[in-house]
Amino acid sequence: MLSYNRFGFVVSKKVDKRAVVRNRLKRVLRELAQEYKDIQPGKDMLFIVIKNFYTVSTEEIQKTVSEVLKNLNLEQ
């Protein structure tokens, strides 16, 4: 088992054709995932971005990601 967590981010061209937008979404998600340190080490997590995700504010994304990660941590 690894002593750290691994995160993967999938943003397809169906979300947006522009690489700039897709990369921005990945950066935002990566930053949010790194801020959350309460997850037990050794976990692999994959975030799959759905269509129209880029229209949501960064604060709303942060709230959603935080809720998901907290729920995952409670199941352990």
PDB file of N, CA and C in Angstrom:
ATOM      1  N   MET A   1       0.839  -1.176   0.000  1.00  0.00           N
ATOM      2  CA  MET A   1       0.000   0.000   0.000  1.00  0.00           C
ATOM      3  C   MET A   1       0.890   1.248   0.000  1.00  0.00           C
ATOM      4  N   LEU A   2       0.470   2.242  -0.740  1.00  0.00           N
ATOM      5  CA  LEU A   2       1.226   3.483  -0.836  1.00  0.00           C
ATOM      6  C   LEU A   2       1.035   4.344   0.403  1.00  0.00           C
ATOM      7  N   SER A   3       1.998   5.202   0.674  1.00  0.00           N
ATOM      8  CA  SER A   3       1.907   6.097   1.827  1.00  0.00           C
ATOM      9  C   SER A   3       1.328   7.457   1.443  1.00  0.00           C
ATOM     10  N   TYR A   4       0.772   7.560   0.249  1.00  0.00           N
ATOM     11  CA  TYR A   4       0.172   8.811  -0.213  1.00  0.00           C
ATOM     12  C   TYR A   4      -1.032   8.478  -1.097  1.00  0.00           C
ATOM     13  N   ASN A   5      -1.861   9.476  -1.340  1.00  0.00           N
ATOM     14  CA  ASN A   5      -3.034   9.317  -2.186  1.00  0.00           C
ATOM     15  C   ASN A   5      -2.710   9.726  -3.617  1.00  0.00           C
ATOM     16  N   ARG A   6      -3.402   9.096  -4.563  1.00  0.00           N
ATOM     17  CA  ARG A   6      -3.237   9.471  -5.970  1.00  0.00           C
ATOM     18  C   ARG A   6      -4.588   9.933  -6.510  1.00  0.00           C
ATOM     19  N   PHE A   7      -4.548  11.016  -7.280  1.00  0.00           N
ATOM     20  CA  PHE A   7      -5.750  11.580  -7.863  1.00  0.00           C
ATOM     21  C   PHE A   7      -5.612  11.593  -9.382  1.00  0.00           C
ATOM     22  N   GLY A   8      -6.697  11.255 -10.072  1.00  0.00           N
ATOM     23  CA  GLY A   8      -6.736  11.326 -11.524  1.00  0.00           C
ATOM     24  C   GLY A   8      -7.908  12.193 -11.945  1.00  0.00           C
ATOM     25  N   PHE A   9      -7.739  12.926 -13.039  1.00  0.00           N
ATOM     26  CA  PHE A   9      -8.774  13.838 -13.511  1.00  0.00           C
ATOM     27  C   PHE A   9      -9.001  13.602 -14.995  1.00  0.00           C
ATOM     28  N   VAL A  10     -10.267  13.366 -15.360  1.00  0.00           N
ATOM     29  CA  VAL A  10     -10.626  13.124 -16.748  1.00  0.00           C
ATOM     30  C   VAL A  10     -11.575  14.228 -17.184  1.00  0.00           C
ATOM     31  N   VAL A  11     -11.146  14.988 -18.180  1.00  0.00           N
ATOM     32  CA  VAL A  11     -11.990  16.031 -18.769  1.00  0.00           C
ATOM     33  C   VAL A  11     -11.948  15.809 -20.272  1.00  0.00           C
ATOM     34  N   SER A  12     -13.024  15.275 -20.815  1.00  0.00           N
ATOM     35  CA  SER A  12     -13.032  14.922 -22.237  1.00  0.00           C
ATOM     36  C   SER A  12     -13.368  16.134 -23.098  1.00  0.00           C
ATOM     37  N   LYS A  13     -13.206  15.974 -24.383  1.00  0.00           N
ATOM     38  CA  LYS A  13     -13.536  17.030 -25.326  1.00  0.00           C
ATOM     39  C   LYS A  13     -15.035  17.282 -25.401  1.00  0.00           C
ATOM     40  N   LYS A  14     -15.829  16.355 -24.884  1.00  0.00           N
ATOM     41  CA  LYS A  14     -17.271  16.582 -24.836  1.00  0.00           C
ATOM     42  C   LYS A  14     -17.627  17.685 -23.849  1.00  0.00           C
ATOM     43  N   VAL A  15     -16.785  17.883 -22.843  1.00  0.00           N
ATOM     44  CA  VAL A  15     -17.008  18.955 -21.874  1.00  0.00           C
ATOM     45  C   VAL A  15     -16.767  20.300 -22.542  1.00  0.00           C
ATOM     46  N   ASP A  16     -15.645  20.432 -23.221  1.00  0.00           N
ATOM     47  CA  ASP A  16     -15.325  21.653 -23.974  1.00  0.00           C
ATOM     48  C   ASP A  16     -14.217  21.322 -24.963  1.00  0.00           C
ATOM     49  N   LYS A  17     -14.328  21.853 -26.143  1.00  0.00           N
ATOM     50  CA  LYS A  17     -13.338  21.579 -27.190  1.00  0.00           C
ATOM     51  C   LYS A  17     -12.004  22.264 -26.922  1.00  0.00           C
ATOM     52  N   ARG A  18     -12.035  23.349 -26.151  1.00  0.00           N
ATOM     53  CA  ARG A  18     -10.824  24.135 -25.915  1.00  0.00           C
ATOM     54  C   ARG A  18      -9.969  23.523 -24.808  1.00  0.00           C
ATOM     55  N   ALA A  19      -8.707  23.294 -25.118  1.00  0.00           N
ATOM     56  CA  ALA A  19      -7.782  22.715 -24.138  1.00  0.00           C
ATOM     57  C   ALA A  19      -7.582  23.648 -22.945  1.00  0.00           C
ATOM     58  N   VAL A  20      -7.686  24.942 -23.164  1.00  0.00           N
ATOM     59  CA  VAL A  20      -7.507  25.913 -22.086  1.00  0.00           C
ATOM     60  C   VAL A  20      -8.559  25.684 -21.001  1.00  0.00           C
ATOM     61  N   VAL A  21      -9.791  25.471 -21.406  1.00  0.00           N
ATOM     62  CA  VAL A  21     -10.876  25.243 -20.451  1.00  0.00           C
ATOM     63  C   VAL A  21     -10.689  23.913 -19.744  1.00  0.00           C
ATOM     64  N   ARG A  22     -10.354  22.875 -20.493  1.00  0.00           N
ATOM     65  CA  ARG A  22     -10.162  21.561 -19.890  1.00  0.00           C
ATOM     66  C   ARG A  22      -9.011  21.584 -18.888  1.00  0.00           C
ATOM     67  N   ASN A  23      -7.927  22.234 -19.220  1.00  0.00           N
ATOM     68  CA  ASN A  23      -6.779  22.319 -18.315  1.00  0.00           C
ATOM     69  C   ASN A  23      -7.101  23.138 -17.069  1.00  0.00           C
ATOM     70  N   ARG A  24      -7.905  24.202 -17.222  1.00  0.00           N
ATOM     71  CA  ARG A  24      -8.308  25.002 -16.067  1.00  0.00           C
ATOM     72  C   ARG A  24      -9.109  24.151 -15.088  1.00  0.00           C
ATOM     73  N   LEU A  25     -10.031  23.359 -15.599  1.00  0.00           N
ATOM     74  CA  LEU A  25     -10.820  22.487 -14.741  1.00  0.00           C
ATOM     75  C   LEU A  25      -9.929  21.505 -13.990  1.00  0.00           C
ATOM     76  N   LYS A  26      -8.959  20.953 -14.670  1.00  0.00           N
ATOM     77  CA  LYS A  26      -8.036  20.017 -14.019  1.00  0.00           C
ATOM     78  C   LYS A  26      -7.226  20.718 -12.931  1.00  0.00           C
ATOM     79  N   ARG A  27      -6.782  21.942 -13.204  1.00  0.00           N
ATOM     80  CA  ARG A  27      -6.006  22.685 -12.208  1.00  0.00           C
ATOM     81  C   ARG A  27      -6.839  22.976 -10.964  1.00  0.00           C
ATOM     82  N   VAL A  28      -8.086  23.390 -11.170  1.00  0.00           N
ATOM     83  CA  VAL A  28      -8.961  23.690 -10.034  1.00  0.00           C
ATOM     84  C   VAL A  28      -9.183  22.437  -9.200  1.00  0.00           C
ATOM     85  N   LEU A  29      -9.486  21.332  -9.842  1.00  0.00           N
ATOM     86  CA  LEU A  29      -9.719  20.084  -9.122  1.00  0.00           C
ATOM     87  C   LEU A  29      -8.458  19.599  -8.414  1.00  0.00           C
ATOM     88  N   ARG A  30      -7.322  19.716  -9.061  1.00  0.00           N
ATOM     89  CA  ARG A  30      -6.059  19.281  -8.454  1.00  0.00           C
ATOM     90  C   ARG A  30      -5.766  20.091  -7.194  1.00  0.00           C
ATOM     91  N   GLU A  31      -5.984  21.396  -7.268  1.00  0.00           N
ATOM     92  CA  GLU A  31      -5.750  22.261  -6.115  1.00  0.00           C
ATOM     93  C   GLU A  31      -6.684  21.888  -4.958  1.00  0.00           C
ATOM     94  N   LEU A  32      -7.944  21.636  -5.262  1.00  0.00           N
ATOM     95  CA  LEU A  32      -8.899  21.273  -4.221  1.00  0.00           C
ATOM     96  C   LEU A  32      -8.552  19.923  -3.599  1.00  0.00           C
ATOM     97  N   ALA A  33      -8.137  18.977  -4.404  1.00  0.00           N
ATOM     98  CA  ALA A  33      -7.793  17.652  -3.889  1.00  0.00           C
ATOM     99  C   ALA A  33      -6.566  17.708  -2.992  1.00  0.00           C
ATOM    100  N   GLN A  34      -5.610  18.550  -3.317  1.00  0.00           N
ATOM    101  CA  GLN A  34      -4.397  18.651  -2.506  1.00  0.00           C
ATOM    102  C   GLN A  34      -4.666  19.323  -1.168  1.00  0.00           C
ATOM    103  N   GLU A  35      -5.669  20.192  -1.113  1.00  0.00           N
ATOM    104  CA  GLU A  35      -5.995  20.883   0.130  1.00  0.00           C
ATOM    105  C   GLU A  35      -6.618  19.947   1.153  1.00  0.00           C
ATOM    106  N   TYR A  36      -7.267  18.893   0.693  1.00  0.00           N
ATOM    107  CA  TYR A  36      -7.974  17.994   1.593  1.00  0.00           C
ATOM    108  C   TYR A  36      -7.011  16.903   2.069  1.00  0.00           C
ATOM    109  N   LYS A  37      -6.546  17.006   3.299  1.00  0.00           N
ATOM    110  CA  LYS A  37      -5.502  16.118   3.824  1.00  0.00           C
ATOM    111  C   LYS A  37      -6.038  15.035   4.759  1.00  0.00           C
ATOM    112  N   ASP A  38      -7.352  15.003   5.040  1.00  0.00           N
ATOM    113  CA  ASP A  38      -7.891  14.095   6.040  1.00  0.00           C
ATOM    114  C   ASP A  38      -8.169  12.685   5.527  1.00  0.00           C
ATOM    115  N   ILE A  39      -7.878  12.411   4.281  1.00  0.00           N
ATOM    116  CA  ILE A  39      -8.140  11.099   3.702  1.00  0.00           C
ATOM    117  C   ILE A  39      -7.013  10.154   4.101  1.00  0.00           C
ATOM    118  N   GLN A  40      -7.384   8.925   4.425  1.00  0.00           N
ATOM    119  CA  GLN A  40      -6.375   7.939   4.759  1.00  0.00           C
ATOM    120  C   GLN A  40      -5.444   7.734   3.569  1.00  0.00           C
ATOM    121  N   PRO A  41      -4.149   7.581   3.806  1.00  0.00           N
ATOM    122  CA  PRO A  41      -3.207   7.403   2.695  1.00  0.00           C
ATOM    123  C   PRO A  41      -3.390   6.067   1.995  1.00  0.00           C
ATOM    124  N   GLY A  42      -2.985   6.033   0.736  1.00  0.00           N
ATOM    125  CA  GLY A  42      -3.033   4.814  -0.054  1.00  0.00           C
ATOM    126  C   GLY A  42      -4.264   4.681  -0.923  1.00  0.00           C
ATOM    127  N   LYS A  43      -5.019   5.762  -1.081  1.00  0.00           N
ATOM    128  CA  LYS A  43      -6.250   5.735  -1.876  1.00  0.00           C
ATOM    129  C   LYS A  43      -5.985   6.266  -3.285  1.00  0.00           C
ATOM    130  N   ASP A  44      -6.658   5.660  -4.260  1.00  0.00           N
ATOM    131  CA  ASP A  44      -6.651   6.149  -5.637  1.00  0.00           C
ATOM    132  C   ASP A  44      -8.034   6.696  -5.942  1.00  0.00           C
ATOM    133  N   MET A  45      -8.108   7.929  -6.432  1.00  0.00           N
ATOM    134  CA  MET A  45      -9.393   8.559  -6.731  1.00  0.00           C
ATOM    135  C   MET A  45      -9.386   9.111  -8.142  1.00  0.00           C
ATOM    136  N   LEU A  46     -10.485   8.929  -8.833  1.00  0.00           N
ATOM    137  CA  LEU A  46     -10.628   9.400 -10.202  1.00  0.00           C
ATOM    138  C   LEU A  46     -11.819  10.336 -10.276  1.00  0.00           C
ATOM    139  N   PHE A  47     -11.578  11.555 -10.743  1.00  0.00           N
ATOM    140  CA  PHE A  47     -12.627  12.543 -10.940  1.00  0.00           C
ATOM    141  C   PHE A  47     -12.936  12.601 -12.435  1.00  0.00           C
ATOM    142  N   ILE A  48     -14.185  12.348 -12.784  1.00  0.00           N
ATOM    143  CA  ILE A  48     -14.612  12.428 -14.174  1.00  0.00           C
ATOM    144  C   ILE A  48     -15.547  13.620 -14.286  1.00  0.00           C
ATOM    145  N   VAL A  49     -15.133  14.609 -15.058  1.00  0.00           N
ATOM    146  CA  VAL A  49     -15.878  15.858 -15.181  1.00  0.00           C
ATOM    147  C   VAL A  49     -16.995  15.677 -16.207  1.00  0.00           C
ATOM    148  N   ILE A  50     -18.190  16.156 -15.841  1.00  0.00           N
ATOM    149  CA  ILE A  50     -19.332  16.044 -16.740  1.00  0.00           C
ATOM    150  C   ILE A  50     -19.532  17.347 -17.517  1.00  0.00           C
ATOM    151  N   LYS A  51     -20.372  17.282 -18.506  1.00  0.00           N
ATOM    152  CA  LYS A  51     -20.641  18.433 -19.368  1.00  0.00           C
ATOM    153  C   LYS A  51     -21.200  19.595 -18.555  1.00  0.00           C
ATOM    154  N   ASN A  52     -20.894  20.817 -18.969  1.00  0.00           N
ATOM    155  CA  ASN A  52     -21.337  22.063 -18.332  1.00  0.00           C
ATOM    156  C   ASN A  52     -20.743  22.269 -16.939  1.00  0.00           C
ATOM    157  N   PHE A  53     -19.725  21.550 -16.599  1.00  0.00           N
ATOM    158  CA  PHE A  53     -19.070  21.688 -15.302  1.00  0.00           C
ATOM    159  C   PHE A  53     -18.347  23.026 -15.196  1.00  0.00           C
ATOM    160  N   TYR A  54     -17.837  23.535 -16.304  1.00  0.00           N
ATOM    161  CA  TYR A  54     -17.066  24.774 -16.269  1.00  0.00           C
ATOM    162  C   TYR A  54     -17.926  25.998 -16.013  1.00  0.00           C
ATOM    163  N   THR A  55     -19.251  25.869 -16.107  1.00  0.00           N
ATOM    164  CA  THR A  55     -20.121  27.009 -15.843  1.00  0.00           C
ATOM    165  C   THR A  55     -20.370  27.205 -14.349  1.00  0.00           C
ATOM    166  N   VAL A  56     -19.987  26.229 -13.534  1.00  0.00           N
ATOM    167  CA  VAL A  56     -20.175  26.301 -12.084  1.00  0.00           C
ATOM    168  C   VAL A  56     -19.026  27.092 -11.474  1.00  0.00           C
ATOM    169  N   SER A  57     -19.326  27.853 -10.426  1.00  0.00           N
ATOM    170  CA  SER A  57     -18.280  28.665  -9.786  1.00  0.00           C
ATOM    171  C   SER A  57     -17.284  27.772  -9.041  1.00  0.00           C
ATOM    172  N   THR A  58     -16.105  28.321  -8.822  1.00  0.00           N
ATOM    173  CA  THR A  58     -15.050  27.594  -8.123  1.00  0.00           C
ATOM    174  C   THR A  58     -15.479  27.255  -6.695  1.00  0.00           C
ATOM    175  N   GLU A  59     -16.215  28.153  -6.056  1.00  0.00           N
ATOM    176  CA  GLU A  59     -16.684  27.907  -4.691  1.00  0.00           C
ATOM    177  C   GLU A  59     -17.640  26.716  -4.648  1.00  0.00           C
ATOM    178  N   GLU A  60     -18.518  26.629  -5.637  1.00  0.00           N
ATOM    179  CA  GLU A  60     -19.457  25.505  -5.690  1.00  0.00           C
ATOM    180  C   GLU A  60     -18.723  24.189  -5.956  1.00  0.00           C
ATOM    181  N   ILE A  61     -17.711  24.237  -6.808  1.00  0.00           N
ATOM    182  CA  ILE A  61     -16.899  23.052  -7.074  1.00  0.00           C
ATOM    183  C   ILE A  61     -16.201  22.614  -5.792  1.00  0.00           C
ATOM    184  N   GLN A  62     -15.636  23.579  -5.066  1.00  0.00           N
ATOM    185  CA  GLN A  62     -14.936  23.274  -3.820  1.00  0.00           C
ATOM    186  C   GLN A  62     -15.883  22.635  -2.813  1.00  0.00           C
ATOM    187  N   LYS A  63     -17.083  23.166  -2.699  1.00  0.00           N
ATOM    188  CA  LYS A  63     -18.064  22.619  -1.770  1.00  0.00           C
ATOM    189  C   LYS A  63     -18.422  21.178  -2.135  1.00  0.00           C
ATOM    190  N   THR A  64     -18.662  20.931  -3.408  1.00  0.00           N
ATOM    191  CA  THR A  64     -19.039  19.593  -3.869  1.00  0.00           C
ATOM    192  C   THR A  64     -17.910  18.594  -3.656  1.00  0.00           C
ATOM    193  N   VAL A  65     -16.696  18.966  -4.045  1.00  0.00           N
ATOM    194  CA  VAL A  65     -15.543  18.069  -3.885  1.00  0.00           C
ATOM    195  C   VAL A  65     -15.303  17.778  -2.408  1.00  0.00           C
ATOM    196  N   SER A  66     -15.426  18.786  -1.571  1.00  0.00           N
ATOM    197  CA  SER A  66     -15.228  18.599  -0.140  1.00  0.00           C
ATOM    198  C   SER A  66     -16.261  17.631   0.432  1.00  0.00           C
ATOM    199  N   GLU A  67     -17.521  17.774   0.038  1.00  0.00           N
ATOM    200  CA  GLU A  67     -18.569  16.867   0.513  1.00  0.00           C
ATOM    201  C   GLU A  67     -18.296  15.429   0.078  1.00  0.00           C
ATOM    202  N   VAL A  68     -17.894  15.247  -1.169  1.00  0.00           N
ATOM    203  CA  VAL A  68     -17.619  13.904  -1.676  1.00  0.00           C
ATOM    204  C   VAL A  68     -16.455  13.276  -0.917  1.00  0.00           C
ATOM    205  N   LEU A  69     -15.385  14.020  -0.735  1.00  0.00           N
ATOM    206  CA  LEU A  69     -14.214  13.481  -0.051  1.00  0.00           C
ATOM    207  C   LEU A  69     -14.512  13.189   1.422  1.00  0.00           C
ATOM    208  N   LYS A  70     -15.325  14.017   2.058  1.00  0.00           N
ATOM    209  CA  LYS A  70     -15.698  13.755   3.449  1.00  0.00           C
ATOM    210  C   LYS A  70     -16.527  12.485   3.545  1.00  0.00           C
ATOM    211  N   ASN A  71     -17.457  12.295   2.602  1.00  0.00           N
ATOM    212  CA  ASN A  71     -18.278  11.077   2.607  1.00  0.00           C
ATOM    213  C   ASN A  71     -17.416   9.840   2.387  1.00  0.00           C
ATOM    214  N   LEU A  72     -16.446   9.923   1.522  1.00  0.00           N
ATOM    215  CA  LEU A  72     -15.558   8.797   1.294  1.00  0.00           C
ATOM    216  C   LEU A  72     -14.739   8.474   2.535  1.00  0.00           C
ATOM    217  N   ASN A  73     -14.311   9.511   3.227  1.00  0.00           N
ATOM    218  CA  ASN A  73     -13.503   9.319   4.413  1.00  0.00           C
ATOM    219  C   ASN A  73     -14.317   8.682   5.551  1.00  0.00           C
ATOM    220  N   LEU A  74     -15.620   8.952   5.625  1.00  0.00           N
ATOM    221  CA  LEU A  74     -16.463   8.393   6.669  1.00  0.00           C
ATOM    222  C   LEU A  74     -16.679   6.906   6.486  1.00  0.00           C
ATOM    223  N   GLU A  75     -16.625   6.428   5.260  1.00  0.00           N
ATOM    224  CA  GLU A  75     -16.863   5.006   4.998  1.00  0.00           C
ATOM    225  C   GLU A  75     -15.705   4.129   5.428  1.00  0.00           C
ATOM    226  N   GLN A  76     -14.559   4.688   5.680  1.00  0.00           N
ATOM    227  CA  GLN A  76     -13.364   3.902   6.004  1.00  0.00           C
ATOM    228  C   GLN A  76     -13.440   3.330   7.388  1.00  0.00           C
TER     229      GLN A  76
END
